[in-house]
Protein backbone atom coordinates (compact mmCIF):
# COMPACT_ATOMS: atom_id res chain seq x y z
CA MET A 1 -86.32 -44.93 -105.35
CA ALA A 2 -85.53 -46.56 -102.01
CA LYS A 3 -83.09 -48.93 -103.72
CA ALA A 4 -81.20 -46.01 -105.24
CA LYS A 5 -80.81 -44.43 -101.83
CA ASN A 6 -79.46 -47.67 -100.36
CA ASN A 7 -76.97 -48.15 -103.21
CA ASN A 8 -75.57 -44.63 -102.70
CA LYS A 9 -75.38 -44.99 -98.92
CA ASN A 10 -71.57 -45.00 -98.87
CA GLU A 11 -71.17 -41.98 -101.15
CA ARG A 12 -70.23 -38.68 -99.57
CA VAL A 13 -72.68 -35.87 -100.17
CA SER A 14 -71.13 -32.51 -101.05
CA CYS A 15 -71.72 -29.50 -103.24
CA PRO A 16 -70.97 -29.72 -106.98
CA VAL A 17 -67.96 -27.43 -106.66
CA GLY A 18 -66.51 -29.55 -103.86
CA SER A 19 -67.10 -32.70 -105.88
CA PHE A 20 -65.35 -31.09 -108.84
CA PHE A 21 -62.25 -30.34 -106.77
CA LEU A 22 -62.25 -33.84 -105.23
CA ASP A 23 -62.46 -35.42 -108.68
CA LEU A 24 -59.57 -33.29 -109.91
CA GLU A 25 -57.45 -34.29 -106.92
CA LYS A 26 -58.20 -37.97 -107.54
CA ALA A 27 -57.17 -37.53 -111.18
CA SER A 28 -53.74 -36.26 -110.16
CA ARG A 29 -52.35 -38.47 -107.40
CA ASN A 30 -48.71 -37.41 -107.80
CA LYS A 31 -47.25 -34.23 -106.40
CA SER A 32 -47.21 -31.78 -109.26
CA LYS A 33 -47.73 -28.17 -110.24
CA PHE A 34 -51.35 -29.17 -110.96
CA LEU A 35 -52.06 -29.78 -107.25
CA GLU A 36 -50.29 -26.56 -106.32
CA TYR A 37 -52.45 -24.56 -108.73
CA LEU A 38 -55.54 -26.47 -107.65
CA SER A 39 -54.90 -25.57 -104.00
CA ARG A 40 -54.48 -21.92 -104.91
CA SER A 41 -57.66 -21.95 -106.97
CA LYS A 42 -59.60 -23.32 -103.98
CA LEU A 43 -58.34 -20.43 -101.90
CA GLU A 44 -59.20 -17.88 -104.59
CA PHE A 45 -62.66 -19.40 -105.03
CA LEU A 46 -63.34 -19.15 -101.29
CA LYS A 47 -62.10 -15.55 -101.25
CA ALA A 48 -64.49 -14.75 -104.11
CA VAL A 49 -67.41 -16.30 -102.21
CA LYS A 50 -66.39 -14.35 -99.09
CA CYS A 51 -66.40 -11.14 -101.13
CA LEU A 52 -69.93 -11.87 -102.38
CA VAL A 53 -71.16 -12.59 -98.86
CA ASP A 54 -69.52 -9.44 -97.47
CA ASP A 55 -71.13 -7.33 -100.22
CA LYS A 56 -74.54 -8.83 -99.52
CA ILE A 57 -74.18 -8.18 -95.79
CA GLU A 58 -73.16 -4.58 -96.48
CA ASN A 59 -76.16 -4.04 -98.79
CA LEU A 60 -78.55 -5.51 -96.23
CA GLU A 61 -77.11 -3.31 -93.50
CA LYS A 62 -77.53 -0.22 -95.71
CA LYS A 63 -81.15 -1.14 -96.45
CA GLY A 64 -81.82 -1.61 -92.75
CA ALA A 65 -80.36 1.79 -91.89
CA ALA A 66 -82.25 3.50 -94.72
CA LYS A 67 -85.60 2.10 -93.58
CA GLY A 68 -85.37 3.94 -90.28
CA LYS A 69 -84.82 7.29 -92.01
CA LYS A 70 -87.83 7.23 -94.35
CA ARG A 71 -90.96 8.91 -93.09
CA ALA A 72 -94.32 9.48 -94.67
CA THR A 73 -95.31 13.03 -95.52
CA LYS A 74 -98.79 14.07 -94.57
CA ILE A 75 -100.57 15.82 -97.46
CA ARG A 76 -103.67 17.87 -96.88
CA VAL A 77 -106.37 17.12 -99.48
CA GLU A 78 -109.28 19.50 -99.98
């Protein structure tokens, strides 16, 4: 296992999506419509991730506000 780590020492560690985009860029070295579309897709992908994060933050904030409003009701048992 230690040998494998040493052999991969020069490789850059990144997420699978980032690696995918880097590989696509390497595949198309010339200036083309492909790179233009690829750049736009990166932007759209990041906007989609931002939307997910914003929605999650909003849901967490709503849950936090709702917790303060709930109160237990005392029931008299005979």
